[in-house]
Amino acid sequence: MTGWWIADLWQAGASVLLMSWLVWVVVSVVLHELGHGYAALYEGDSTPRDTGHITLNPIVHMGWFSIIALLIMGIAWGLMPVNPSRFRNGRKGWAFVAAAGPAVNLALSALCIVACAVAMRYGPQNEPLATNLRLFLLTGAWLNLYLMIFNLMPVPPLDGSMILAGFSDRAMYFFSKPGVQQFGLLALFIAVFSTDLSSALVDAIQTASNHAVAIVVTWLPIAS
């Protein structure tokens, strides 16, 4: 093993998992940010369009630093510029815009679960195509579910803190403090990279995704 996740997966013969991860991370981050952007436009804020962020270009949403982090560590993030002062619904609009990103991830996860079930019931059965297709769709399912849960954590700068701030004056005051934001980033880093919390959550989500696919398969009629 080289210690570089891409080389390790490639050498382990997990090239399909590698490509699935890269594709789904980029797609999920881009669509997550577009969810925020379109929600902001609905709230009356044209900042996402004015800054050129209503696009499918991953470089615009992620930036080169995030893309490099994806290639080195397998993680990435995005950014959607908005101006909450323009939201027609004020603080409630803030919460709505913040929730739009995780909602997109939930929708993508559900779509992948249904697509995987359909592929298992009616799709190609010849190998390795069948297994690779299911792996690709299952990766999209659990990854987007993980991103939704992760982003809903009430830790700045994650969406969960913005949603909470949209409904609570005390939370808004607390999360707006620079020290809290810096501590939030530090705590997030420690939780993800220095504990087993993230791995345990991934295991639980993968199990739940597999169960969900199995349930949907039982709902589908057997092909004649």
C-alpha atoms as a PDB file:
ATOM      1  CA  MET A   1       0.000   0.000   0.000  1.00  0.00           C
ATOM      2  CA  THR A   2       1.274   3.457  -0.889  1.00  0.00           C
ATOM      3  CA  GLY A   3      -0.769   5.502   1.571  1.00  0.00           C
ATOM      4  CA  TRP A   4      -2.385   7.389  -1.314  1.00  0.00           C
ATOM      5  CA  TRP A   5      -6.018   6.334  -1.439  1.00  0.00           C
ATOM      6  CA  ILE A   6      -6.293   6.432  -5.233  1.00  0.00           C
ATOM      7  CA  ALA A   7      -3.206   4.242  -5.724  1.00  0.00           C
ATOM      8  CA  ASP A   8      -4.305   1.906  -2.944  1.00  0.00           C
ATOM      9  CA  LEU A   9      -7.744   1.331  -4.459  1.00  0.00           C
ATOM     10  CA  TRP A  10      -6.281   0.928  -7.934  1.00  0.00           C
ATOM     11  CA  GLN A  11      -3.700  -1.598  -6.778  1.00  0.00           C
ATOM     12  CA  ALA A  12      -6.385  -3.461  -4.826  1.00  0.00           C
ATOM     13  CA  GLY A  13      -8.383  -3.889  -8.034  1.00  0.00           C
ATOM     14  CA  ALA A  14     -11.140  -1.564  -6.831  1.00  0.00           C
ATOM     15  CA  SER A  15     -11.046   0.676  -9.898  1.00  0.00           C
ATOM     16  CA  VAL A  16     -14.844   0.728 -10.184  1.00  0.00           C
ATOM     17  CA  LEU A  17     -15.214   1.851  -6.574  1.00  0.00           C
ATOM     18  CA  LEU A  18     -12.547   4.497  -7.186  1.00  0.00           C
ATOM     19  CA  MET A  19     -14.282   5.918 -10.254  1.00  0.00           C
ATOM     20  CA  SER A  20     -17.676   5.721  -8.543  1.00  0.00           C
ATOM     21  CA  TRP A  21     -16.343   7.681  -5.564  1.00  0.00           C
ATOM     22  CA  LEU A  22     -14.763  10.384  -7.713  1.00  0.00           C
ATOM     23  CA  VAL A  23     -17.848  10.785  -9.899  1.00  0.00           C
ATOM     24  CA  TRP A  24     -20.340  10.849  -7.050  1.00  0.00           C
ATOM     25  CA  VAL A  25     -18.357  13.224  -4.854  1.00  0.00           C
ATOM     26  CA  VAL A  26     -18.128  15.767  -7.682  1.00  0.00           C
ATOM     27  CA  VAL A  27     -21.752  15.326  -8.799  1.00  0.00           C
ATOM     28  CA  SER A  28     -23.083  15.438  -5.245  1.00  0.00           C
ATOM     29  CA  VAL A  29     -21.137  18.548  -4.251  1.00  0.00           C
ATOM     30  CA  VAL A  30     -22.099  20.409  -7.435  1.00  0.00           C
ATOM     31  CA  LEU A  31     -25.805  19.576  -7.165  1.00  0.00           C
ATOM     32  CA  HIS A  32     -25.776  20.294  -3.421  1.00  0.00           C
ATOM     33  CA  GLU A  33     -24.454  23.788  -4.090  1.00  0.00           C
ATOM     34  CA  LEU A  34     -26.905  24.311  -6.945  1.00  0.00           C
ATOM     35  CA  GLY A  35     -29.664  23.420  -4.500  1.00  0.00           C
ATOM     36  CA  HIS A  36     -28.544  26.321  -2.336  1.00  0.00           C
ATOM     37  CA  GLY A  37     -28.249  28.553  -5.380  1.00  0.00           C
ATOM     38  CA  TYR A  38     -31.706  27.921  -6.803  1.00  0.00           C
ATOM     39  CA  ALA A  39     -33.239  28.240  -3.342  1.00  0.00           C
ATOM     40  CA  ALA A  40     -31.533  31.633  -2.986  1.00  0.00           C
ATOM     41  CA  LEU A  41     -32.881  32.719  -6.381  1.00  0.00           C
ATOM     42  CA  TYR A  42     -36.360  31.671  -5.253  1.00  0.00           C
ATOM     43  CA  GLU A  43     -35.878  33.812  -2.146  1.00  0.00           C
ATOM     44  CA  GLY A  44     -35.094  36.817  -4.344  1.00  0.00           C
ATOM     45  CA  ASP A  45     -31.301  36.802  -4.100  1.00  0.00           C
ATOM     46  CA  SER A  46     -29.607  36.987  -7.512  1.00  0.00           C
ATOM     47  CA  THR A  47     -26.086  36.598  -6.081  1.00  0.00           C
ATOM     48  CA  PRO A  48     -25.649  32.988  -7.298  1.00  0.00           C
ATOM     49  CA  ARG A  49     -26.471  34.040 -10.869  1.00  0.00           C
ATOM     50  CA  ASP A  50     -24.540  37.315 -10.671  1.00  0.00           C
ATOM     51  CA  THR A  51     -21.376  35.492  -9.584  1.00  0.00           C
ATOM     52  CA  GLY A  52     -21.696  32.801 -12.268  1.00  0.00           C
ATOM     53  CA  HIS A  53     -22.446  29.967  -9.862  1.00  0.00           C
ATOM     54  CA  ILE A  54     -25.589  28.699 -11.597  1.00  0.00           C
ATOM     55  CA  THR A  55     -23.512  26.231 -13.575  1.00  0.00           C
ATOM     56  CA  LEU A  56     -22.589  22.557 -13.618  1.00  0.00           C
ATOM     57  CA  ASN A  57     -18.882  23.401 -13.764  1.00  0.00           C
ATOM     58  CA  PRO A  58     -17.315  21.702 -10.698  1.00  0.00           C
ATOM     59  CA  ILE A  59     -14.342  24.071 -10.682  1.00  0.00           C
ATOM     60  CA  VAL A  60     -16.691  27.007 -10.049  1.00  0.00           C
ATOM     61  CA  HIS A  61     -18.364  25.313  -7.080  1.00  0.00           C
ATOM     62  CA  MET A  62     -15.418  23.445  -5.581  1.00  0.00           C
ATOM     63  CA  GLY A  63     -12.367  25.464  -6.527  1.00  0.00           C
ATOM     64  CA  TRP A  64      -8.955  23.982  -7.201  1.00  0.00           C
ATOM     65  CA  PHE A  65      -8.073  23.546  -3.524  1.00  0.00           C
ATOM     66  CA  SER A  66     -11.117  21.343  -2.963  1.00  0.00           C
ATOM     67  CA  ILE A  67     -10.415  19.343  -6.116  1.00  0.00           C
ATOM     68  CA  ILE A  68      -6.810  18.790  -5.030  1.00  0.00           C
ATOM     69  CA  ALA A  69      -8.054  17.692  -1.589  1.00  0.00           C
ATOM     70  CA  LEU A  70     -10.354  15.201  -3.325  1.00  0.00           C
ATOM     71  CA  LEU A  71      -7.470  13.734  -5.299  1.00  0.00           C
ATOM     72  CA  ILE A  72      -5.154  13.581  -2.270  1.00  0.00           C
ATOM     73  CA  MET A  73      -7.526  12.678   0.585  1.00  0.00           C
ATOM     74  CA  GLY A  74     -10.791  11.678  -1.100  1.00  0.00           C
ATOM     75  CA  ILE A  75     -12.824  14.530   0.424  1.00  0.00           C
ATOM     76  CA  ALA A  76     -14.162  17.733  -1.098  1.00  0.00           C
ATOM     77  CA  TRP A  77     -16.451  20.664  -0.416  1.00  0.00           C
ATOM     78  CA  GLY A  78     -18.157  23.467  -2.298  1.00  0.00           C
ATOM     79  CA  LEU A  79     -19.344  27.016  -1.900  1.00  0.00           C
ATOM     80  CA  MET A  80     -22.409  28.918  -3.079  1.00  0.00           C
ATOM     81  CA  PRO A  81     -22.258  32.699  -2.506  1.00  0.00           C
ATOM     82  CA  VAL A  82     -25.555  34.153  -1.300  1.00  0.00           C
ATOM     83  CA  ASN A  83     -26.684  37.410   0.281  1.00  0.00           C
ATOM     84  CA  PRO A  84     -29.180  36.673   3.081  1.00  0.00           C
ATOM     85  CA  SER A  85     -30.136  40.364   3.305  1.00  0.00           C
ATOM     86  CA  ARG A  86     -31.941  39.911  -0.018  1.00  0.00           C
ATOM     87  CA  PHE A  87     -34.054  36.940   1.071  1.00  0.00           C
ATOM     88  CA  ARG A  88     -37.725  37.846   0.891  1.00  0.00           C
ATOM     89  CA  ASN A  89     -38.506  35.721   3.948  1.00  0.00           C
ATOM     90  CA  GLY A  90     -35.619  36.997   6.065  1.00  0.00           C
ATOM     91  CA  ARG A  91     -34.339  34.491   8.587  1.00  0.00           C
ATOM     92  CA  LYS A  92     -36.799  31.829   7.468  1.00  0.00           C
ATOM     93  CA  GLY A  93     -35.391  32.264   3.983  1.00  0.00           C
ATOM     94  CA  TRP A  94     -31.924  31.659   5.425  1.00  0.00           C
ATOM     95  CA  ALA A  95     -33.089  28.331   6.842  1.00  0.00           C
ATOM     96  CA  PHE A  96     -34.817  27.418   3.574  1.00  0.00           C
ATOM     97  CA  VAL A  97     -31.701  28.098   1.502  1.00  0.00           C
ATOM     98  CA  ALA A  98     -29.495  26.188   3.944  1.00  0.00           C
ATOM     99  CA  ALA A  99     -31.824  23.180   3.910  1.00  0.00           C
ATOM    100  CA  ALA A 100     -31.975  23.037   0.115  1.00  0.00           C
ATOM    101  CA  GLY A 101     -28.507  21.504  -0.226  1.00  0.00           C
ATOM    102  CA  PRO A 102     -29.104  18.513   2.082  1.00  0.00           C
ATOM    103  CA  ALA A 103     -32.538  18.079   0.473  1.00  0.00           C
ATOM    104  CA  VAL A 104     -30.832  17.617  -2.892  1.00  0.00           C
ATOM    105  CA  ASN A 105     -28.564  14.957  -1.383  1.00  0.00           C
ATOM    106  CA  LEU A 106     -31.581  13.147   0.040  1.00  0.00           C
ATOM    107  CA  ALA A 107     -33.276  13.203  -3.370  1.00  0.00           C
ATOM    108  CA  LEU A 108     -30.114  11.889  -5.061  1.00  0.00           C
ATOM    109  CA  SER A 109     -29.834   9.101  -2.500  1.00  0.00           C
ATOM    110  CA  ALA A 110     -33.459   8.074  -3.036  1.00  0.00           C
ATOM    111  CA  LEU A 111     -32.989   8.167  -6.809  1.00  0.00           C
ATOM    112  CA  CYS A 112     -29.905   5.937  -6.582  1.00  0.00           C
ATOM    113  CA  ILE A 113     -31.703   3.467  -4.302  1.00  0.00           C
ATOM    114  CA  VAL A 114     -34.615   3.147  -6.716  1.00  0.00           C
ATOM    115  CA  ALA A 115     -32.288   2.951  -9.736  1.00  0.00           C
ATOM    116  CA  CYS A 116     -30.228   0.233  -8.049  1.00  0.00           C
ATOM    117  CA  ALA A 117     -33.342  -1.766  -7.240  1.00  0.00           C
ATOM    118  CA  VAL A 118     -34.565  -1.420 -10.826  1.00  0.00           C
ATOM    119  CA  ALA A 119     -31.152  -2.501 -12.127  1.00  0.00           C
ATOM    120  CA  MET A 120     -31.172  -5.550  -9.856  1.00  0.00           C
ATOM    121  CA  ARG A 121     -34.673  -6.550 -10.947  1.00  0.00           C
ATOM    122  CA  TYR A 122     -34.624  -5.675 -14.646  1.00  0.00           C
ATOM    123  CA  GLY A 123     -31.059  -4.675 -15.512  1.00  0.00           C
ATOM    124  CA  PRO A 124     -28.209  -6.658 -17.022  1.00  0.00           C
ATOM    125  CA  GLN A 125     -27.305  -9.853 -15.189  1.00  0.00           C
ATOM    126  CA  ASN A 126     -24.029 -10.588 -16.951  1.00  0.00           C
ATOM    127  CA  GLU A 127     -20.887 -10.022 -14.933  1.00  0.00           C
ATOM    128  CA  PRO A 128     -19.007  -7.868 -14.219  1.00  0.00           C
ATOM    129  CA  LEU A 129     -21.441  -5.288 -15.624  1.00  0.00           C
ATOM    130  CA  ALA A 130     -24.237  -6.124 -13.172  1.00  0.00           C
ATOM    131  CA  THR A 131     -22.019  -5.924 -10.079  1.00  0.00           C
ATOM    132  CA  ASN A 132     -20.261  -2.760 -11.264  1.00  0.00           C
ATOM    133  CA  LEU A 133     -23.556  -0.996 -12.001  1.00  0.00           C
ATOM    134  CA  ARG A 134     -24.927  -1.867  -8.570  1.00  0.00           C
ATOM    135  CA  LEU A 135     -21.715  -0.730  -6.898  1.00  0.00           C
ATOM    136  CA  PHE A 136     -21.878   2.600  -8.727  1.00  0.00           C
ATOM    137  CA  LEU A 137     -25.498   3.227  -7.741  1.00  0.00           C
ATOM    138  CA  LEU A 138     -25.046   2.035  -4.152  1.00  0.00           C
ATOM    139  CA  THR A 139     -22.063   4.365  -3.777  1.00  0.00           C
ATOM    140  CA  GLY A 140     -24.241   7.267  -4.889  1.00  0.00           C
ATOM    141  CA  ALA A 141     -26.981   6.190  -2.492  1.00  0.00           C
ATOM    142  CA  TRP A 142     -24.961   5.947   0.718  1.00  0.00           C
ATOM    143  CA  LEU A 143     -22.621   8.836  -0.082  1.00  0.00           C
ATOM    144  CA  ASN A 144     -25.475  11.286  -0.588  1.00  0.00           C
ATOM    145  CA  LEU A 145     -27.220  10.057   2.547  1.00  0.00           C
ATOM    146  CA  TYR A 146     -23.982  10.592   4.458  1.00  0.00           C
ATOM    147  CA  LEU A 147     -23.567  14.092   3.007  1.00  0.00           C
ATOM    148  CA  MET A 148     -27.118  14.983   4.021  1.00  0.00           C
ATOM    149  CA  ILE A 149     -26.615  13.826   7.615  1.00  0.00           C
ATOM    150  CA  PHE A 150     -23.158  15.376   7.841  1.00  0.00           C
ATOM    151  CA  ASN A 151     -24.300  18.766   6.543  1.00  0.00           C
ATOM    152  CA  LEU A 152     -27.280  18.821   8.906  1.00  0.00           C
ATOM    153  CA  MET A 153     -24.984  18.748  11.949  1.00  0.00           C
ATOM    154  CA  PRO A 154     -25.495  21.990  13.925  1.00  0.00           C
ATOM    155  CA  VAL A 155     -21.820  22.894  13.643  1.00  0.00           C
ATOM    156  CA  PRO A 156     -20.697  26.035  11.809  1.00  0.00           C
ATOM    157  CA  PRO A 157     -20.116  26.366   8.910  1.00  0.00           C
ATOM    158  CA  LEU A 158     -22.339  23.385   8.068  1.00  0.00           C
ATOM    159  CA  ASP A 159     -25.914  23.838   6.854  1.00  0.00           C
ATOM    160  CA  GLY A 160     -27.376  22.543  10.106  1.00  0.00           C
ATOM    161  CA  SER A 161     -26.081  25.548  12.009  1.00  0.00           C
ATOM    162  CA  MET A 162     -27.636  27.910   9.454  1.00  0.00           C
ATOM    163  CA  ILE A 163     -30.976  26.117   9.627  1.00  0.00           C
ATOM    164  CA  LEU A 164     -30.964  26.344  13.404  1.00  0.00           C
ATOM    165  CA  ALA A 165     -29.938  30.011  13.258  1.00  0.00           C
ATOM    166  CA  GLY A 166     -32.867  30.685  10.959  1.00  0.00           C
ATOM    167  CA  PHE A 167     -35.295  29.763  13.723  1.00  0.00           C
ATOM    168  CA  SER A 168     -33.418  30.872  16.841  1.00  0.00           C
ATOM    169  CA  ASP A 169     -32.078  34.312  17.759  1.00  0.00           C
ATOM    170  CA  ARG A 170     -29.812  32.732  20.355  1.00  0.00           C
ATOM    171  CA  ALA A 171     -28.377  30.284  17.818  1.00  0.00           C
ATOM    172  CA  MET A 172     -27.861  33.087  15.296  1.00  0.00           C
ATOM    173  CA  TYR A 173     -25.948  35.134  17.863  1.00  0.00           C
ATOM    174  CA  PHE A 174     -23.902  32.156  19.007  1.00  0.00           C
ATOM    175  CA  PHE A 175     -22.978  30.843  15.547  1.00  0.00           C
ATOM    176  CA  SER A 176     -22.072  34.305  14.248  1.00  0.00           C
ATOM    177  CA  LYS A 177     -19.149  34.609  16.673  1.00  0.00           C
ATOM    178  CA  PRO A 178     -15.795  34.137  14.872  1.00  0.00           C
ATOM    179  CA  GLY A 179     -14.448  32.019  17.718  1.00  0.00           C
ATOM    180  CA  VAL A 180     -17.384  29.618  17.492  1.00  0.00           C
ATOM    181  CA  GLN A 181     -16.935  29.247  13.752  1.00  0.00           C
ATOM    182  CA  GLN A 182     -13.239  28.492  14.164  1.00  0.00           C
ATOM    183  CA  PHE A 183     -13.931  26.021  16.964  1.00  0.00           C
ATOM    184  CA  GLY A 184     -16.598  24.390  14.823  1.00  0.00           C
ATOM    185  CA  LEU A 185     -14.106  23.757  12.036  1.00  0.00           C
ATOM    186  CA  LEU A 186     -11.580  22.354  14.517  1.00  0.00           C
ATOM    187  CA  ALA A 187     -14.134  20.088  16.186  1.00  0.00           C
ATOM    188  CA  LEU A 188     -15.302  18.915  12.770  1.00  0.00           C
ATOM    189  CA  PHE A 189     -11.761  18.090  11.718  1.00  0.00           C
ATOM    190  CA  ILE A 190     -11.118  16.129  14.917  1.00  0.00           C
ATOM    191  CA  ALA A 191     -14.407  14.228  14.647  1.00  0.00           C
ATOM    192  CA  VAL A 192     -13.766  13.215  11.052  1.00  0.00           C
ATOM    193  CA  PHE A 193     -10.057  12.421  11.121  1.00  0.00           C
ATOM    194  CA  SER A 194      -9.228  11.507  14.735  1.00  0.00           C
ATOM    195  CA  THR A 195     -12.154   9.320  15.815  1.00  0.00           C
ATOM    196  CA  ASP A 196     -14.139   6.336  14.573  1.00  0.00           C
ATOM    197  CA  LEU A 197     -17.343   8.400  14.451  1.00  0.00           C
ATOM    198  CA  SER A 198     -17.251   8.919  10.706  1.00  0.00           C
ATOM    199  CA  SER A 199     -16.472   5.245   9.989  1.00  0.00           C
ATOM    200  CA  ALA A 200     -19.280   4.067  12.260  1.00  0.00           C
ATOM    201  CA  LEU A 201     -21.716   6.431  10.573  1.00  0.00           C
ATOM    202  CA  VAL A 202     -20.627   5.261   7.113  1.00  0.00           C
ATOM    203  CA  ASP A 203     -21.089   1.613   8.111  1.00  0.00           C
ATOM    204  CA  ALA A 204     -24.594   2.309   9.428  1.00  0.00           C
ATOM    205  CA  ILE A 205     -25.569   4.284   6.326  1.00  0.00           C
ATOM    206  CA  GLN A 206     -24.228   1.627   3.963  1.00  0.00           C
ATOM    207  CA  THR A 207     -26.221  -1.021   5.809  1.00  0.00           C
ATOM    208  CA  ALA A 208     -29.356   1.125   5.693  1.00  0.00           C
ATOM    209  CA  SER A 209     -28.869   1.779   1.970  1.00  0.00           C
ATOM    210  CA  ASN A 210     -28.544  -1.943   1.224  1.00  0.00           C
ATOM    211  CA  HIS A 211     -31.697  -2.659   3.205  1.00  0.00           C
ATOM    212  CA  ALA A 212     -33.550   0.110   1.383  1.00  0.00           C
ATOM    213  CA  VAL A 213     -32.564  -1.314  -2.001  1.00  0.00           C
ATOM    214  CA  ALA A 214     -33.671  -4.798  -0.922  1.00  0.00           C
ATOM    215  CA  ILE A 215     -37.059  -3.432   0.181  1.00  0.00           C
ATOM    216  CA  VAL A 216     -37.620  -1.572  -3.083  1.00  0.00           C
ATOM    217  CA  VAL A 217     -36.704  -4.718  -5.041  1.00  0.00           C
ATOM    218  CA  THR A 218     -39.502  -6.609  -3.277  1.00  0.00           C
ATOM    219  CA  TRP A 219     -41.957  -3.902  -4.357  1.00  0.00           C
ATOM    220  CA  LEU A 220     -41.111  -4.290  -8.030  1.00  0.00           C
ATOM    221  CA  PRO A 221     -42.996  -6.884 -10.083  1.00  0.00           C
ATOM    222  CA  ILE A 222     -40.958  -9.781 -11.418  1.00  0.00           C
ATOM    223  CA  ALA A 223     -40.050  -9.342 -15.063  1.00  0.00           C
ATOM    224  CA  SER A 224     -42.014 -11.649 -17.332  1.00  0.00           C
END
